[in-house]
Amino acid sequence: MMAAVQTGDDAVSAKIDDFLSRDDYHEKADTLAAELQSQVKQNVIDIEKKLANETDEEQLAKLGNQLKLAQSLLKHKPDER
């Protein structure tokens, strides 16, 4: 029974390794990362515009926190492959 489980684990590991080694996986991941970074940059712009027009202190604090989070996401470097 344990041998069957080990064989199954090895087969799953081999399929995962095969999938991760494909060039199209890296291409898709790079494309998604670029799209997400673009969206975050746009969010930063939108938040900065809202901050410029906002007068409510509570709303200003919320927008400030959102801006800090978005900016920290832009600074994050993905792991090297």
N, C-alpha and C. Protein backbone atom coordinates (compact mmCIF):
# COMPACT_ATOMS: atom_id res chain seq x y z
N MET A 1 0.83 -1.19 0.00
CA MET A 1 0.00 0.00 0.00
C MET A 1 0.87 1.25 0.00
N MET A 2 1.88 1.31 0.85
CA MET A 2 2.77 2.47 0.91
C MET A 2 3.51 2.65 -0.41
N ALA A 3 3.88 1.56 -1.06
CA ALA A 3 4.57 1.65 -2.34
C ALA A 3 3.68 2.31 -3.38
N ALA A 4 2.39 2.00 -3.35
CA ALA A 4 1.44 2.61 -4.29
C ALA A 4 1.31 4.11 -4.03
N VAL A 5 1.30 4.47 -2.76
CA VAL A 5 1.21 5.89 -2.42
C VAL A 5 2.47 6.61 -2.88
N GLN A 6 3.62 6.01 -2.63
CA GLN A 6 4.89 6.62 -3.04
C GLN A 6 4.96 6.75 -4.56
N THR A 7 4.52 5.74 -5.28
CA THR A 7 4.50 5.79 -6.74
C THR A 7 3.57 6.90 -7.22
N GLY A 8 2.43 7.03 -6.57
CA GLY A 8 1.49 8.10 -6.92
C GLY A 8 2.08 9.47 -6.65
N ASP A 9 2.77 9.62 -5.51
CA ASP A 9 3.43 10.89 -5.18
C ASP A 9 4.50 11.23 -6.21
N ASP A 10 5.26 10.22 -6.61
CA ASP A 10 6.32 10.44 -7.60
C ASP A 10 5.72 10.87 -8.94
N ALA A 11 4.60 10.26 -9.31
CA ALA A 11 3.95 10.60 -10.58
C ALA A 11 3.44 12.04 -10.54
N VAL A 12 2.84 12.42 -9.42
CA VAL A 12 2.35 13.80 -9.28
C VAL A 12 3.52 14.78 -9.32
N SER A 13 4.58 14.48 -8.61
CA SER A 13 5.76 15.34 -8.61
C SER A 13 6.33 15.48 -10.01
N ALA A 14 6.37 14.39 -10.76
CA ALA A 14 6.90 14.44 -12.11
C ALA A 14 6.02 15.32 -13.01
N LYS A 15 4.71 15.22 -12.84
CA LYS A 15 3.80 16.05 -13.64
C LYS A 15 3.96 17.53 -13.29
N ILE A 16 4.10 17.83 -12.02
CA ILE A 16 4.29 19.22 -11.60
C ILE A 16 5.61 19.75 -12.14
N ASP A 17 6.67 18.97 -12.01
CA ASP A 17 7.98 19.39 -12.53
C ASP A 17 7.92 19.62 -14.03
N ASP A 18 7.22 18.74 -14.75
CA ASP A 18 7.08 18.89 -16.19
C ASP A 18 6.33 20.18 -16.53
N PHE A 19 5.26 20.42 -15.81
CA PHE A 19 4.46 21.63 -16.06
C PHE A 19 5.28 22.89 -15.81
N LEU A 20 6.01 22.91 -14.68
CA LEU A 20 6.78 24.11 -14.32
C LEU A 20 7.96 24.34 -15.24
N SER A 21 8.43 23.30 -15.91
CA SER A 21 9.59 23.47 -16.79
C SER A 21 9.20 23.93 -18.19
N ARG A 22 7.93 23.96 -18.49
CA ARG A 22 7.49 24.39 -19.81
C ARG A 22 7.71 25.89 -19.99
N ASP A 23 8.11 26.27 -21.18
CA ASP A 23 8.33 27.69 -21.47
C ASP A 23 7.03 28.48 -21.41
N ASP A 24 5.92 27.88 -21.86
CA ASP A 24 4.67 28.63 -21.87
C ASP A 24 4.19 28.96 -20.47
N TYR A 25 4.54 28.13 -19.49
CA TYR A 25 4.19 28.44 -18.10
C TYR A 25 4.86 29.74 -17.68
N HIS A 26 6.16 29.85 -17.98
CA HIS A 26 6.89 31.05 -17.59
C HIS A 26 6.40 32.26 -18.36
N GLU A 27 6.06 32.07 -19.62
CA GLU A 27 5.53 33.16 -20.43
C GLU A 27 4.21 33.67 -19.85
N LYS A 28 3.32 32.74 -19.52
CA LYS A 28 2.03 33.12 -18.94
C LYS A 28 2.21 33.80 -17.60
N ALA A 29 3.12 33.28 -16.79
CA ALA A 29 3.38 33.88 -15.48
C ALA A 29 3.92 35.30 -15.65
N ASP A 30 4.83 35.49 -16.60
CA ASP A 30 5.39 36.82 -16.85
C ASP A 30 4.31 37.78 -17.34
N THR A 31 3.42 37.29 -18.20
CA THR A 31 2.34 38.13 -18.72
C THR A 31 1.40 38.54 -17.60
N LEU A 32 1.03 37.58 -16.76
CA LEU A 32 0.15 37.88 -15.63
C LEU A 32 0.81 38.86 -14.66
N ALA A 33 2.09 38.68 -14.40
CA ALA A 33 2.80 39.59 -13.50
C ALA A 33 2.81 41.01 -14.07
N ALA A 34 3.03 41.14 -15.36
CA ALA A 34 3.03 42.46 -15.99
C ALA A 34 1.64 43.10 -15.93
N GLU A 35 0.61 42.31 -16.16
CA GLU A 35 -0.76 42.83 -16.08
C GLU A 35 -1.10 43.29 -14.67
N LEU A 36 -0.71 42.49 -13.68
CA LEU A 36 -0.98 42.86 -12.29
C LEU A 36 -0.22 44.13 -11.90
N GLN A 37 1.02 44.23 -12.33
CA GLN A 37 1.80 45.41 -12.01
C GLN A 37 1.17 46.65 -12.65
N SER A 38 0.67 46.51 -13.87
CA SER A 38 0.01 47.61 -14.54
C SER A 38 -1.25 48.03 -13.78
N GLN A 39 -2.02 47.05 -13.32
CA GLN A 39 -3.23 47.35 -12.56
C GLN A 39 -2.90 48.05 -11.25
N VAL A 40 -1.85 47.61 -10.57
CA VAL A 40 -1.46 48.24 -9.31
C VAL A 40 -1.00 49.68 -9.56
N LYS A 41 -0.24 49.89 -10.64
CA LYS A 41 0.19 51.25 -10.98
C LYS A 41 -1.03 52.15 -11.22
N GLN A 42 -2.03 51.63 -11.92
CA GLN A 42 -3.24 52.41 -12.16
C GLN A 42 -3.97 52.68 -10.85
N ASN A 43 -3.98 51.70 -9.95
CA ASN A 43 -4.61 51.90 -8.64
C ASN A 43 -3.90 53.00 -7.86
N VAL A 44 -2.58 53.05 -7.94
CA VAL A 44 -1.82 54.10 -7.26
C VAL A 44 -2.24 55.46 -7.80
N ILE A 45 -2.35 55.58 -9.11
CA ILE A 45 -2.77 56.84 -9.73
C ILE A 45 -4.17 57.22 -9.27
N ASP A 46 -5.08 56.26 -9.29
CA ASP A 46 -6.46 56.52 -8.87
C ASP A 46 -6.53 56.96 -7.40
N ILE A 47 -5.77 56.30 -6.55
CA ILE A 47 -5.77 56.63 -5.13
C ILE A 47 -5.19 58.03 -4.92
N GLU A 48 -4.12 58.33 -5.63
CA GLU A 48 -3.52 59.66 -5.49
C GLU A 48 -4.50 60.76 -5.92
N LYS A 49 -5.29 60.49 -6.97
CA LYS A 49 -6.30 61.46 -7.41
C LYS A 49 -7.37 61.64 -6.32
N LYS A 50 -7.80 60.53 -5.73
CA LYS A 50 -8.81 60.61 -4.67
C LYS A 50 -8.27 61.36 -3.46
N LEU A 51 -7.00 61.11 -3.13
CA LEU A 51 -6.39 61.79 -1.99
C LEU A 51 -6.36 63.30 -2.21
N ALA A 52 -6.12 63.71 -3.43
CA ALA A 52 -6.03 65.14 -3.74
C ALA A 52 -7.37 65.85 -3.53
N ASN A 53 -8.46 65.12 -3.68
CA ASN A 53 -9.79 65.72 -3.59
C ASN A 53 -10.53 65.42 -2.29
N GLU A 54 -9.95 64.61 -1.44
CA GLU A 54 -10.64 64.16 -0.23
C GLU A 54 -10.40 65.12 0.93
N THR A 55 -11.44 65.34 1.72
CA THR A 55 -11.30 66.21 2.89
C THR A 55 -11.61 65.48 4.19
N ASP A 56 -12.36 64.38 4.12
CA ASP A 56 -12.72 63.62 5.32
C ASP A 56 -11.48 62.90 5.87
N GLU A 57 -11.16 63.15 7.13
CA GLU A 57 -9.95 62.59 7.75
C GLU A 57 -9.93 61.06 7.74
N GLU A 58 -11.06 60.44 8.05
CA GLU A 58 -11.14 58.98 8.08
C GLU A 58 -10.89 58.40 6.69
N GLN A 59 -11.50 59.01 5.70
CA GLN A 59 -11.32 58.55 4.32
C GLN A 59 -9.87 58.78 3.87
N LEU A 60 -9.28 59.89 4.28
CA LEU A 60 -7.88 60.16 3.96
C LEU A 60 -6.96 59.08 4.53
N ALA A 61 -7.24 58.67 5.76
CA ALA A 61 -6.44 57.62 6.39
C ALA A 61 -6.57 56.30 5.63
N LYS A 62 -7.78 55.94 5.23
CA LYS A 62 -8.00 54.71 4.48
C LYS A 62 -7.28 54.75 3.14
N LEU A 63 -7.40 55.86 2.44
CA LEU A 63 -6.74 56.00 1.15
C LEU A 63 -5.22 55.97 1.30
N GLY A 64 -4.73 56.58 2.37
CA GLY A 64 -3.29 56.55 2.63
C GLY A 64 -2.79 55.14 2.84
N ASN A 65 -3.54 54.34 3.58
CA ASN A 65 -3.16 52.94 3.80
C ASN A 65 -3.20 52.14 2.50
N GLN A 66 -4.22 52.39 1.69
CA GLN A 66 -4.31 51.70 0.40
C GLN A 66 -3.13 52.07 -0.49
N LEU A 67 -2.75 53.34 -0.47
CA LEU A 67 -1.63 53.81 -1.27
C LEU A 67 -0.33 53.16 -0.83
N LYS A 68 -0.11 53.09 0.48
CA LYS A 68 1.11 52.45 1.00
C LYS A 68 1.18 50.98 0.58
N LEU A 69 0.05 50.28 0.67
CA LEU A 69 0.01 48.88 0.28
C LEU A 69 0.32 48.72 -1.20
N ALA A 70 -0.31 49.52 -2.04
CA ALA A 70 -0.09 49.42 -3.49
C ALA A 70 1.36 49.73 -3.83
N GLN A 71 1.93 50.74 -3.19
CA GLN A 71 3.33 51.09 -3.46
C GLN A 71 4.26 49.99 -3.00
N SER A 72 3.95 49.33 -1.89
CA SER A 72 4.80 48.23 -1.43
C SER A 72 4.72 47.04 -2.39
N LEU A 73 3.55 46.83 -2.99
CA LEU A 73 3.42 45.76 -3.99
C LEU A 73 4.28 46.05 -5.21
N LEU A 74 4.37 47.30 -5.59
CA LEU A 74 5.19 47.66 -6.75
C LEU A 74 6.67 47.48 -6.48
N LYS A 75 7.07 47.64 -5.22
CA LYS A 75 8.49 47.50 -4.86
C LYS A 75 8.91 46.04 -4.74
N HIS A 76 7.94 45.15 -4.50
CA HIS A 76 8.24 43.73 -4.29
C HIS A 76 8.80 43.12 -5.57
N LYS A 77 9.90 42.43 -5.43
CA LYS A 77 10.51 41.74 -6.57
C LYS A 77 10.13 40.26 -6.50
N PRO A 78 9.62 39.71 -7.61
CA PRO A 78 9.29 38.28 -7.60
C PRO A 78 10.55 37.42 -7.45
N ASP A 79 10.37 36.25 -6.92
CA ASP A 79 11.49 35.32 -6.75
C ASP A 79 12.10 35.00 -8.09
N GLU A 80 13.43 34.88 -8.09
CA GLU A 80 14.13 34.49 -9.31
C GLU A 80 13.86 33.02 -9.58
N ARG A 81 13.80 32.69 -10.83
CA ARG A 81 13.57 31.28 -11.20
C ARG A 81 14.88 30.57 -11.31
